[in-house]
Amino acid sequence: QVQLVESGGGLVQPGGSLRLSCLAPGTIFSRNTMHWYRQAPGKQREWVAQINTGGTSHYADFVKGRFTISRDNAKNAVYLQMNSLKPEDTAVYYCYAMPWWGQGTQVTVSA
C-alpha cells in the first residue's frame, strides 16, 4: 500500500503562516504531479494546488498570492507554504498523487 504522509498542521492565528509537508515513496513522487486538497467540516474536498514533475505549479483562486507549493526531488517531498491564513482556510489538508491520498493534517486558523 502506497503511503503519503503529511505533517505540519496545527493551530495558527489569522494572518499567520504554516508549512505543510508530504513525503511520498520515490517511485510515486518521481513520476507524479503532486497535489494538495483540503476539506472543511461539512464541505466537499476541494483542490488547492498542484506541482508537476517539472516544477510547474497551479493554484486555486482562493489561495493565489498566499500559498506556495514546492517540491524537493531529493527528499521525495512536496510542501505547501501557507501565508496570510484566514479562518476560512481551516480544514484537513490532504496530499494526493493519483490515485493515492495521504491521511490528512488538520489546519485550524483561529484567534
PDB file of N, CA and C in Angstrom:
ATOM      1  N   GLN A   1       0.853  -1.190   0.000  1.00  0.00           N
ATOM      2  CA  GLN A   1       0.000   0.000   0.000  1.00  0.00           C
ATOM      3  C   GLN A   1       0.888   1.240   0.000  1.00  0.00           C
ATOM      4  N   VAL A   2       0.568   2.151  -0.915  1.00  0.00           N
ATOM      5  CA  VAL A   2       1.344   3.376  -1.010  1.00  0.00           C
ATOM      6  C   VAL A   2       0.968   4.304   0.131  1.00  0.00           C
ATOM      7  N   GLN A   3       1.960   4.923   0.738  1.00  0.00           N
ATOM      8  CA  GLN A   3       1.718   5.851   1.829  1.00  0.00           C
ATOM      9  C   GLN A   3       2.231   7.233   1.469  1.00  0.00           C
ATOM     10  N   LEU A   4       1.324   8.194   1.556  1.00  0.00           N
ATOM     11  CA  LEU A   4       1.685   9.597   1.504  1.00  0.00           C
ATOM     12  C   LEU A   4       1.498  10.124   2.917  1.00  0.00           C
ATOM     13  N   VAL A   5       2.515  10.740   3.469  1.00  0.00           N
ATOM     14  CA  VAL A   5       2.485  11.133   4.874  1.00  0.00           C
ATOM     15  C   VAL A   5       2.605  12.648   4.981  1.00  0.00           C
ATOM     16  N   GLU A   6       1.511  13.267   5.458  1.00  0.00           N
ATOM     17  CA  GLU A   6       1.508  14.712   5.650  1.00  0.00           C
ATOM     18  C   GLU A   6       1.913  15.064   7.074  1.00  0.00           C
ATOM     19  N   SER A   7       2.435  16.263   7.231  1.00  0.00           N
ATOM     20  CA  SER A   7       2.739  16.806   8.547  1.00  0.00           C
ATOM     21  C   SER A   7       2.760  18.318   8.461  1.00  0.00           C
ATOM     22  N   GLY A   8       2.787  18.959   9.630  1.00  0.00           N
ATOM     23  CA  GLY A   8       2.928  20.406   9.659  1.00  0.00           C
ATOM     24  C   GLY A   8       1.686  21.178  10.000  1.00  0.00           C
ATOM     25  N   GLY A   9       0.559  20.493  10.143  1.00  0.00           N
ATOM     26  CA  GLY A   9      -0.658  21.199  10.504  1.00  0.00           C
ATOM     27  C   GLY A   9      -0.618  21.671  11.948  1.00  0.00           C
ATOM     28  N   GLY A  10      -1.617  22.461  12.306  1.00  0.00           N
ATOM     29  CA  GLY A  10      -1.692  22.970  13.669  1.00  0.00           C
ATOM     30  C   GLY A  10      -2.661  24.114  13.788  1.00  0.00           C
ATOM     31  N   LEU A  11      -2.575  24.771  14.926  1.00  0.00           N
ATOM     32  CA  LEU A  11      -3.424  25.924  15.212  1.00  0.00           C
ATOM     33  C   LEU A  11      -2.603  27.203  15.002  1.00  0.00           C
ATOM     34  N   VAL A  12      -3.168  28.133  14.258  1.00  0.00           N
ATOM     35  CA  VAL A  12      -2.465  29.386  13.969  1.00  0.00           C
ATOM     36  C   VAL A  12      -3.470  30.524  13.997  1.00  0.00           C
ATOM     37  N   GLN A  13      -3.016  31.692  14.348  1.00  0.00           N
ATOM     38  CA  GLN A  13      -3.891  32.856  14.368  1.00  0.00           C
ATOM     39  C   GLN A  13      -4.087  33.401  12.960  1.00  0.00           C
ATOM     40  N   PRO A  14      -5.189  34.075  12.732  1.00  0.00           N
ATOM     41  CA  PRO A  14      -5.383  34.723  11.422  1.00  0.00           C
ATOM     42  C   PRO A  14      -4.198  35.620  11.076  1.00  0.00           C
ATOM     43  N   GLY A  15      -3.779  35.534   9.819  1.00  0.00           N
ATOM     44  CA  GLY A  15      -2.608  36.272   9.371  1.00  0.00           C
ATOM     45  C   GLY A  15      -1.303  35.525   9.531  1.00  0.00           C
ATOM     46  N   GLY A  16      -1.354  34.402  10.206  1.00  0.00           N
ATOM     47  CA  GLY A  16      -0.159  33.614  10.449  1.00  0.00           C
ATOM     48  C   GLY A  16       0.200  32.708   9.279  1.00  0.00           C
ATOM     49  N   SER A  17       1.227  31.898   9.506  1.00  0.00           N
ATOM     50  CA  SER A  17       1.752  31.015   8.462  1.00  0.00           C
ATOM     51  C   SER A  17       1.951  29.604   8.992  1.00  0.00           C
ATOM     52  N   LEU A  18       1.845  28.660   8.082  1.00  0.00           N
ATOM     53  CA  LEU A  18       2.182  27.268   8.347  1.00  0.00           C
ATOM     54  C   LEU A  18       2.820  26.688   7.101  1.00  0.00           C
ATOM     55  N   ARG A  19       3.625  25.674   7.302  1.00  0.00           N
ATOM     56  CA  ARG A  19       4.210  24.947   6.173  1.00  0.00           C
ATOM     57  C   ARG A  19       3.878  23.476   6.310  1.00  0.00           C
ATOM     58  N   LEU A  20       3.130  22.982   5.351  1.00  0.00           N
ATOM     59  CA  LEU A  20       2.790  21.567   5.326  1.00  0.00           C
ATOM     60  C   LEU A  20       3.807  20.803   4.498  1.00  0.00           C
ATOM     61  N   SER A  21       4.037  19.568   4.905  1.00  0.00           N
ATOM     62  CA  SER A  21       4.942  18.688   4.186  1.00  0.00           C
ATOM     63  C   SER A  21       4.239  17.388   3.851  1.00  0.00           C
ATOM     64  N   CYS A  22       4.640  16.787   2.753  1.00  0.00           N
ATOM     65  CA  CYS A  22       4.122  15.479   2.356  1.00  0.00           C
ATOM     66  C   CYS A  22       5.292  14.664   1.818  1.00  0.00           C
ATOM     67  N   LEU A  23       5.497  13.511   2.420  1.00  0.00           N
ATOM     68  CA  LEU A  23       6.531  12.598   1.947  1.00  0.00           C
ATOM     69  C   LEU A  23       5.882  11.466   1.175  1.00  0.00           C
ATOM     70  N   ALA A  24       6.484  11.118   0.053  1.00  0.00           N
ATOM     71  CA  ALA A  24       5.936  10.064  -0.795  1.00  0.00           C
ATOM     72  C   ALA A  24       7.035   9.082  -1.153  1.00  0.00           C
ATOM     73  N   PRO A  25       6.658   7.842  -1.456  1.00  0.00           N
ATOM     74  CA  PRO A  25       7.655   6.897  -1.957  1.00  0.00           C
ATOM     75  C   PRO A  25       8.277   7.442  -3.240  1.00  0.00           C
ATOM     76  N   GLY A  26       9.562   7.176  -3.420  1.00  0.00           N
ATOM     77  CA  GLY A  26      10.254   7.732  -4.567  1.00  0.00           C
ATOM     78  C   GLY A  26       9.672   7.329  -5.904  1.00  0.00           C
ATOM     79  N   THR A  27       9.210   6.091  -6.004  1.00  0.00           N
ATOM     80  CA  THR A  27       8.665   5.609  -7.272  1.00  0.00           C
ATOM     81  C   THR A  27       7.400   6.359  -7.658  1.00  0.00           C
ATOM     82  N   ILE A  28       6.682   6.824  -6.664  1.00  0.00           N
ATOM     83  CA  ILE A  28       5.464   7.599  -6.910  1.00  0.00           C
ATOM     84  C   ILE A  28       5.816   9.062  -7.147  1.00  0.00           C
ATOM     85  N   PHE A  29       6.638   9.600  -6.292  1.00  0.00           N
ATOM     86  CA  PHE A  29       6.959  11.017  -6.347  1.00  0.00           C
ATOM     87  C   PHE A  29       7.610  11.412  -7.668  1.00  0.00           C
ATOM     88  N   SER A  30       8.512  10.590  -8.150  1.00  0.00           N
ATOM     89  CA  SER A  30       9.309  10.957  -9.323  1.00  0.00           C
ATOM     90  C   SER A  30       8.508  11.042 -10.609  1.00  0.00           C
ATOM     91  N   ARG A  31       7.344  10.421 -10.652  1.00  0.00           N
ATOM     92  CA  ARG A  31       6.598  10.406 -11.913  1.00  0.00           C
ATOM     93  C   ARG A  31       5.212  11.008 -11.801  1.00  0.00           C
ATOM     94  N   ASN A  32       4.896  11.588 -10.656  1.00  0.00           N
ATOM     95  CA  ASN A  32       3.545  12.105 -10.459  1.00  0.00           C
ATOM     96  C   ASN A  32       3.504  13.604 -10.233  1.00  0.00           C
ATOM     97  N   THR A  33       2.446  14.213 -10.761  1.00  0.00           N
ATOM     98  CA  THR A  33       2.066  15.535 -10.298  1.00  0.00           C
ATOM     99  C   THR A  33       1.561  15.394  -8.871  1.00  0.00           C
ATOM    100  N   MET A  34       2.028  16.255  -8.007  1.00  0.00           N
ATOM    101  CA  MET A  34       1.635  16.215  -6.600  1.00  0.00           C
ATOM    102  C   MET A  34       0.619  17.323  -6.336  1.00  0.00           C
ATOM    103  N   HIS A  35      -0.394  16.993  -5.583  1.00  0.00           N
ATOM    104  CA  HIS A  35      -1.482  17.911  -5.308  1.00  0.00           C
ATOM    105  C   HIS A  35      -1.676  18.089  -3.807  1.00  0.00           C
ATOM    106  N   TRP A  36      -2.244  19.235  -3.463  1.00  0.00           N
ATOM    107  CA  TRP A  36      -2.825  19.456  -2.145  1.00  0.00           C
ATOM    108  C   TRP A  36      -4.311  19.727  -2.318  1.00  0.00           C
ATOM    109  N   TYR A  37      -5.091  19.062  -1.497  1.00  0.00           N
ATOM    110  CA  TYR A  37      -6.525  19.285  -1.405  1.00  0.00           C
ATOM    111  C   TYR A  37      -6.840  19.653   0.052  1.00  0.00           C
ATOM    112  N   ARG A  38      -8.046  20.125   0.251  1.00  0.00           N
ATOM    113  CA  ARG A  38      -8.483  20.371   1.625  1.00  0.00           C
ATOM    114  C   ARG A  38      -9.967  20.094   1.750  1.00  0.00           C
ATOM    115  N   GLN A  39     -10.391  19.793   2.971  1.00  0.00           N
ATOM    116  CA  GLN A  39     -11.798  19.546   3.237  1.00  0.00           C
ATOM    117  C   GLN A  39     -12.160  20.170   4.567  1.00  0.00           C
ATOM    118  N   ALA A  40     -13.037  21.144   4.497  1.00  0.00           N
ATOM    119  CA  ALA A  40     -13.537  21.801   5.700  1.00  0.00           C
ATOM    120  C   ALA A  40     -14.755  21.037   6.217  1.00  0.00           C
ATOM    121  N   PRO A  41     -15.066  21.185   7.490  1.00  0.00           N
ATOM    122  CA  PRO A  41     -16.215  20.472   8.057  1.00  0.00           C
ATOM    123  C   PRO A  41     -17.493  20.783   7.293  1.00  0.00           C
ATOM    124  N   GLY A  42     -18.196  19.738   6.901  1.00  0.00           N
ATOM    125  CA  GLY A  42     -19.469  19.902   6.212  1.00  0.00           C
ATOM    126  C   GLY A  42     -19.358  20.291   4.755  1.00  0.00           C
ATOM    127  N   LYS A  43     -18.139  20.343   4.236  1.00  0.00           N
ATOM    128  CA  LYS A  43     -17.950  20.737   2.842  1.00  0.00           C
ATOM    129  C   LYS A  43     -17.262  19.635   2.068  1.00  0.00           C
ATOM    130  N   GLN A  44     -17.340  19.744   0.746  1.00  0.00           N
ATOM    131  CA  GLN A  44     -16.670  18.769  -0.101  1.00  0.00           C
ATOM    132  C   GLN A  44     -15.160  19.056  -0.145  1.00  0.00           C
ATOM    133  N   ARG A  45     -14.422  18.019  -0.431  1.00  0.00           N
ATOM    134  CA  ARG A  45     -12.988  18.183  -0.600  1.00  0.00           C
ATOM    135  C   ARG A  45     -12.738  19.041  -1.844  1.00  0.00           C
ATOM    136  N   GLU A  46     -11.789  19.979  -1.721  1.00  0.00           N
ATOM    137  CA  GLU A  46     -11.519  20.861  -2.839  1.00  0.00           C
ATOM    138  C   GLU A  46     -10.027  20.912  -3.132  1.00  0.00           C
ATOM    139  N   TRP A  47      -9.726  21.098  -4.389  1.00  0.00           N
ATOM    140  CA  TRP A  47      -8.349  21.169  -4.839  1.00  0.00           C
ATOM    141  C   TRP A  47      -7.751  22.515  -4.437  1.00  0.00           C
ATOM    142  N   VAL A  48      -6.494  22.495  -4.002  1.00  0.00           N
ATOM    143  CA  VAL A  48      -5.821  23.709  -3.552  1.00  0.00           C
ATOM    144  C   VAL A  48      -4.691  24.111  -4.492  1.00  0.00           C
ATOM    145  N   ALA A  49      -3.822  23.156  -4.793  1.00  0.00           N
ATOM    146  CA  ALA A  49      -2.658  23.478  -5.614  1.00  0.00           C
ATOM    147  C   ALA A  49      -2.047  22.189  -6.142  1.00  0.00           C
ATOM    148  N   GLN A  50      -1.226  22.332  -7.189  1.00  0.00           N
ATOM    149  CA  GLN A  50      -0.527  21.192  -7.743  1.00  0.00           C
ATOM    150  C   GLN A  50       0.812  21.630  -8.290  1.00  0.00           C
ATOM    151  N   ILE A  51       1.722  20.662  -8.382  1.00  0.00           N
ATOM    152  CA  ILE A  51       3.024  20.922  -8.973  1.00  0.00           C
ATOM    153  C   ILE A  51       3.437  19.664  -9.732  1.00  0.00           C
ATOM    154  N   ASN A  52       3.846  19.837 -10.988  1.00  0.00           N
ATOM    155  CA  ASN A  52       4.211  18.663 -11.770  1.00  0.00           C
ATOM    156  C   ASN A  52       5.687  18.333 -11.597  1.00  0.00           C
ATOM    157  N   THR A  53       6.112  17.281 -12.268  1.00  0.00           N
ATOM    158  CA  THR A  53       7.490  16.824 -12.095  1.00  0.00           C
ATOM    159  C   THR A  53       8.512  17.852 -12.589  1.00  0.00           C
ATOM    160  N   GLY A  54       8.073  18.739 -13.467  1.00  0.00           N
ATOM    161  CA  GLY A  54       8.973  19.778 -13.970  1.00  0.00           C
ATOM    162  C   GLY A  54       8.997  21.027 -13.124  1.00  0.00           C
ATOM    163  N   GLY A  55       8.129  21.047 -12.097  1.00  0.00           N
ATOM    164  CA  GLY A  55       8.106  22.193 -11.195  1.00  0.00           C
ATOM    165  C   GLY A  55       7.082  23.258 -11.522  1.00  0.00           C
ATOM    166  N   THR A  56       6.244  23.014 -12.522  1.00  0.00           N
ATOM    167  CA  THR A  56       5.197  23.975 -12.857  1.00  0.00           C
ATOM    168  C   THR A  56       4.047  23.829 -11.868  1.00  0.00           C
ATOM    169  N   SER A  57       3.607  24.939 -11.331  1.00  0.00           N
ATOM    170  CA  SER A  57       2.585  24.915 -10.298  1.00  0.00           C
ATOM    171  C   SER A  57       1.327  25.670 -10.739  1.00  0.00           C
ATOM    172  N   HIS A  58       0.220  25.269 -10.145  1.00  0.00           N
ATOM    173  CA  HIS A  58      -1.061  25.923 -10.361  1.00  0.00           C
ATOM    174  C   HIS A  58      -1.785  25.999  -9.032  1.00  0.00           C
ATOM    175  N   TYR A  59      -2.632  27.017  -8.902  1.00  0.00           N
ATOM    176  CA  TYR A  59      -3.302  27.263  -7.637  1.00  0.00           C
ATOM    177  C   TYR A  59      -4.786  27.547  -7.834  1.00  0.00           C
ATOM    178  N   ALA A  60      -5.559  27.171  -6.837  1.00  0.00           N
ATOM    179  CA  ALA A  60      -6.943  27.607  -6.798  1.00  0.00           C
ATOM    180  C   ALA A  60      -6.966  29.110  -6.551  1.00  0.00           C
ATOM    181  N   ASP A  61      -7.971  29.771  -7.096  1.00  0.00           N
ATOM    182  CA  ASP A  61      -8.036  31.222  -6.976  1.00  0.00           C
ATOM    183  C   ASP A  61      -8.031  31.679  -5.524  1.00  0.00           C
ATOM    184  N   PHE A  62      -8.649  30.911  -4.653  1.00  0.00           N
ATOM    185  CA  PHE A  62      -8.795  31.367  -3.273  1.00  0.00           C
ATOM    186  C   PHE A  62      -7.494  31.306  -2.473  1.00  0.00           C
ATOM    187  N   VAL A  63      -6.412  30.752  -3.038  1.00  0.00           N
ATOM    188  CA  VAL A  63      -5.120  30.740  -2.343  1.00  0.00           C
ATOM    189  C   VAL A  63      -4.022  31.472  -3.113  1.00  0.00           C
ATOM    190  N   LYS A  64      -4.334  31.910  -4.317  1.00  0.00           N
ATOM    191  CA  LYS A  64      -3.315  32.596  -5.116  1.00  0.00           C
ATOM    192  C   LYS A  64      -2.755  33.801  -4.379  1.00  0.00           C
ATOM    193  N   GLY A  65      -1.439  33.901  -4.378  1.00  0.00           N
ATOM    194  CA  GLY A  65      -0.787  35.011  -3.707  1.00  0.00           C
ATOM    195  C   GLY A  65      -0.530  34.771  -2.229  1.00  0.00           C
ATOM    196  N   ARG A  66      -1.125  33.720  -1.680  1.00  0.00           N
ATOM    197  CA  ARG A  66      -0.938  33.418  -0.247  1.00  0.00           C
ATOM    198  C   ARG A  66      -0.224  32.096  -0.018  1.00  0.00           C
ATOM    199  N   PHE A  67      -0.505  31.107  -0.844  1.00  0.00           N
ATOM    200  CA  PHE A  67       0.082  29.784  -0.694  1.00  0.00           C
ATOM    201  C   PHE A  67       1.107  29.541  -1.796  1.00  0.00           C
ATOM    202  N   THR A  68       2.131  28.758  -1.452  1.00  0.00           N
ATOM    203  CA  THR A  68       3.139  28.373  -2.431  1.00  0.00           C
ATOM    204  C   THR A  68       3.418  26.891  -2.302  1.00  0.00           C
ATOM    205  N   ILE A  69       3.300  26.181  -3.418  1.00  0.00           N
ATOM    206  CA  ILE A  69       3.612  24.753  -3.451  1.00  0.00           C
ATOM    207  C   ILE A  69       5.009  24.589  -4.024  1.00  0.00           C
ATOM    208  N   SER A  70       5.751  23.645  -3.465  1.00  0.00           N
ATOM    209  CA  SER A  70       7.090  23.366  -3.958  1.00  0.00           C
ATOM    210  C   SER A  70       7.389  21.889  -3.760  1.00  0.00           C
ATOM    211  N   ARG A  71       8.417  21.420  -4.440  1.00  0.00           N
ATOM    212  CA  ARG A  71       8.802  20.020  -4.278  1.00  0.00           C
ATOM    213  C   ARG A  71      10.313  19.924  -4.193  1.00  0.00           C
ATOM    214  N   ASP A  72      10.743  18.961  -3.392  1.00  0.00           N
ATOM    215  CA  ASP A  72      12.160  18.664  -3.228  1.00  0.00           C
ATOM    216  C   ASP A  72      12.376  17.250  -3.741  1.00  0.00           C
ATOM    217  N   ASN A  73      12.915  17.153  -4.940  1.00  0.00           N
ATOM    218  CA  ASN A  73      13.061  15.841  -5.566  1.00  0.00           C
ATOM    219  C   ASN A  73      14.062  14.958  -4.831  1.00  0.00           C
ATOM    220  N   ALA A  74      15.001  15.550  -4.151  1.00  0.00           N
ATOM    221  CA  ALA A  74      15.983  14.756  -3.413  1.00  0.00           C
ATOM    222  C   ALA A  74      15.385  14.106  -2.176  1.00  0.00           C
ATOM    223  N   LYS A  75      14.345  14.735  -1.651  1.00  0.00           N
ATOM    224  CA  LYS A  75      13.707  14.222  -0.430  1.00  0.00           C
ATOM    225  C   LYS A  75      12.370  13.558  -0.700  1.00  0.00           C
ATOM    226  N   ASN A  76      11.941  13.533  -1.967  1.00  0.00           N
ATOM    227  CA  ASN A  76      10.617  12.983  -2.311  1.00  0.00           C
ATOM    228  C   ASN A  76       9.527  13.667  -1.492  1.00  0.00           C
ATOM    229  N   ALA A  77       9.630  14.985  -1.414  1.00  0.00           N
ATOM    230  CA  ALA A  77       8.724  15.752  -0.569  1.00  0.00           C
ATOM    231  C   ALA A  77       8.072  16.889  -1.352  1.00  0.00           C
ATOM    232  N   VAL A  78       6.851  17.154  -1.007  1.00  0.00           N
ATOM    233  CA  VAL A  78       6.144  18.316  -1.537  1.00  0.00           C
ATOM    234  C   VAL A  78       5.685  19.142  -0.354  1.00  0.00           C
ATOM    235  N   TYR A  79       5.747  20.449  -0.528  1.00  0.00           N
ATOM    236  CA  TYR A  79       5.439  21.367   0.563  1.00  0.00           C
ATOM    237  C   TYR A  79       4.326  22.328   0.155  1.00  0.00           C
ATOM    238  N   LEU A  80       3.638  22.821   1.161  1.00  0.00           N
ATOM    239  CA  LEU A  80       2.668  23.881   0.934  1.00  0.00           C
ATOM    240  C   LEU A  80       2.934  24.962   1.980  1.00  0.00           C
ATOM    241  N   GLN A  81       3.523  26.046   1.542  1.00  0.00           N
ATOM    242  CA  GLN A  81       3.744  27.189   2.411  1.00  0.00           C
ATOM    243  C   GLN A  81       2.490  28.048   2.385  1.00  0.00           C
ATOM    244  N   MET A  82       1.893  28.231   3.541  1.00  0.00           N
ATOM    245  CA  MET A  82       0.631  28.952   3.649  1.00  0.00           C
ATOM    246  C   MET A  82       0.856  30.221   4.463  1.00  0.00           C
ATOM    247  N   ASN A  83       0.676  31.344   3.838  1.00  0.00           N
ATOM    248  CA  ASN A  83       0.835  32.643   4.493  1.00  0.00           C
ATOM    249  C   ASN A  83      -0.505  33.374   4.518  1.00  0.00           C
ATOM    250  N   SER A  84      -0.563  34.396   5.336  1.00  0.00           N
ATOM    251  CA  SER A  84      -1.783  35.218   5.448  1.00  0.00           C
ATOM    252  C   SER A  84      -3.017  34.347   5.630  1.00  0.00           C
ATOM    253  N   LEU A  85      -2.913  33.420   6.536  1.00  0.00           N
ATOM    254  CA  LEU A  85      -4.004  32.463   6.735  1.00  0.00           C
ATOM    255  C   LEU A  85      -5.250  33.144   7.266  1.00  0.00           C
ATOM    256  N   LYS A  86      -6.394  32.616   6.819  1.00  0.00           N
ATOM    257  CA  LYS A  86      -7.696  33.126   7.191  1.00  0.00           C
ATOM    258  C   LYS A  86      -8.491  32.035   7.898  1.00  0.00           C
ATOM    259  N   PRO A  87      -9.468  32.407   8.698  1.00  0.00           N
ATOM    260  CA  PRO A  87     -10.295  31.378   9.345  1.00  0.00           C
ATOM    261  C   PRO A  87     -10.926  30.411   8.335  1.00  0.00           C
ATOM    262  N   GLU A  88     -11.251  30.895   7.157  1.00  0.00           N
ATOM    263  CA  GLU A  88     -11.864  30.020   6.153  1.00  0.00           C
ATOM    264  C   GLU A  88     -10.874  29.035   5.538  1.00  0.00           C
ATOM    265  N   ASP A  89      -9.595  29.137   5.882  1.00  0.00           N
ATOM    266  CA  ASP A  89      -8.618  28.136   5.459  1.00  0.00           C
ATOM    267  C   ASP A  89      -8.614  26.923   6.386  1.00  0.00           C
ATOM    268  N   THR A  90      -9.377  26.992   7.456  1.00  0.00           N
ATOM    269  CA  THR A  90      -9.462  25.870   8.380  1.00  0.00           C
ATOM    270  C   THR A  90     -10.024  24.650   7.664  1.00  0.00           C
ATOM    271  N   ALA A  91      -9.276  23.556   7.724  1.00  0.00           N
ATOM    272  CA  ALA A  91      -9.658  22.336   7.011  1.00  0.00           C
ATOM    273  C   ALA A  91      -8.629  21.253   7.319  1.00  0.00           C
ATOM    274  N   VAL A  92      -8.965  20.051   6.919  1.00  0.00           N
ATOM    275  CA  VAL A  92      -7.969  18.986   6.855  1.00  0.00           C
ATOM    276  C   VAL A  92      -7.338  19.059   5.465  1.00  0.00           C
ATOM    277  N   TYR A  93      -6.030  19.125   5.435  1.00  0.00           N
ATOM    278  CA  TYR A  93      -5.290  19.237   4.174  1.00  0.00           C
ATOM    279  C   TYR A  93      -4.708  17.874   3.810  1.00  0.00           C
ATOM    280  N   TYR A  94      -4.929  17.504   2.551  1.00  0.00           N
ATOM    281  CA  TYR A  94      -4.520  16.195   2.062  1.00  0.00           C
ATOM    282  C   TYR A  94      -3.524  16.326   0.918  1.00  0.00           C
ATOM    283  N   CYS A  95      -2.565  15.459   0.933  1.00  0.00           N
ATOM    284  CA  CYS A  95      -1.638  15.299  -0.183  1.00  0.00           C
ATOM    285  C   CYS A  95      -2.211  14.220  -1.105  1.00  0.00           C
ATOM    286  N   TYR A  96      -2.063  14.425  -2.408  1.00  0.00           N
ATOM    287  CA  TYR A  96      -2.643  13.484  -3.374  1.00  0.00           C
ATOM    288  C   TYR A  96      -1.690  13.299  -4.540  1.00  0.00           C
ATOM    289  N   ALA A  97      -1.466  12.032  -4.868  1.00  0.00           N
ATOM    290  CA  ALA A  97      -0.732  11.658  -6.079  1.00  0.00           C
ATOM    291  C   ALA A  97      -1.510  10.500  -6.673  1.00  0.00           C
ATOM    292  N   MET A  98      -2.183  10.792  -7.761  1.00  0.00           N
ATOM    293  CA  MET A  98      -3.142   9.841  -8.318  1.00  0.00           C
ATOM    294  C   MET A  98      -2.605   8.420  -8.375  1.00  0.00           C
ATOM    295  N   PRO A  99      -3.328   7.437  -7.805  1.00  0.00           N
ATOM    296  CA  PRO A  99      -4.628   7.556  -7.144  1.00  0.00           C
ATOM    297  C   PRO A  99      -4.556   7.560  -5.622  1.00  0.00           C
ATOM    298  N   TRP A 100      -3.407   7.898  -5.059  1.00  0.00           N
ATOM    299  CA  TRP A 100      -3.206   7.743  -3.619  1.00  0.00           C
ATOM    300  C   TRP A 100      -3.400   9.053  -2.848  1.00  0.00           C
ATOM    301  N   TRP A 101      -4.014   8.897  -1.674  1.00  0.00           N
ATOM    302  CA  TRP A 101      -4.239  10.014  -0.760  1.00  0.00           C
ATOM    303  C   TRP A 101      -3.446   9.815   0.526  1.00  0.00           C
ATOM    304  N   GLY A 102      -3.025  10.912   1.096  1.00  0.00           N
ATOM    305  CA  GLY A 102      -2.484  10.856   2.437  1.00  0.00           C
ATOM    306  C   GLY A 102      -3.599  10.823   3.467  1.00  0.00           C
ATOM    307  N   GLN A 103      -3.207  10.768   4.734  1.00  0.00           N
ATOM    308  CA  GLN A 103      -4.200  10.663   5.810  1.00  0.00           C
ATOM    309  C   GLN A 103      -4.741  12.031   6.224  1.00  0.00           C
ATOM    310  N   GLY A 104      -4.073  13.086   5.814  1.00  0.00           N
ATOM    311  CA  GLY A 104      -4.531  14.434   6.115  1.00  0.00           C
ATOM    312  C   GLY A 104      -3.871  15.007   7.354  1.00  0.00           C
ATOM    313  N   THR A 105      -3.794  16.328   7.378  1.00  0.00           N
ATOM    314  CA  THR A 105      -3.286  17.045   8.543  1.00  0.00           C
ATOM    315  C   THR A 105      -4.198  18.240   8.795  1.00  0.00           C
ATOM    316  N   GLN A 106      -4.562  18.431  10.050  1.00  0.00           N
ATOM    317  CA  GLN A 106      -5.534  19.457  10.400  1.00  0.00           C
ATOM    318  C   GLN A 106      -4.867  20.832  10.486  1.00  0.00           C
ATOM    319  N   VAL A 107      -5.479  21.788   9.830  1.00  0.00           N
ATOM    320  CA  VAL A 107      -5.072  23.192   9.936  1.00  0.00           C
ATOM    321  C   VAL A 107      -6.249  23.969  10.506  1.00  0.00           C
ATOM    322  N   THR A 108      -6.017  24.651  11.602  1.00  0.00           N
ATOM    323  CA  THR A 108      -7.050  25.459  12.238  1.00  0.00           C
ATOM    324  C   THR A 108      -6.553  26.889  12.361  1.00  0.00           C
ATOM    325  N   VAL A 109      -7.319  27.797  11.796  1.00  0.00           N
ATOM    326  CA  VAL A 109      -6.972  29.216  11.846  1.00  0.00           C
ATOM    327  C   VAL A 109      -8.004  29.910  12.722  1.00  0.00           C
ATOM    328  N   SER A 110      -7.558  30.335  13.884  1.00  0.00           N
ATOM    329  CA  SER A 110      -8.487  30.908  14.844  1.00  0.00           C
ATOM    330  C   SER A 110      -7.738  31.808  15.804  1.00  0.00           C
ATOM    331  N   ALA A 111      -8.437  32.856  16.234  1.00  0.00           N
ATOM    332  CA  ALA A 111      -7.862  33.749  17.239  1.00  0.00           C
ATOM    333  C   ALA A 111      -8.066  33.173  18.632  1.00  0.00           C
TER     334      ALA A 111
END
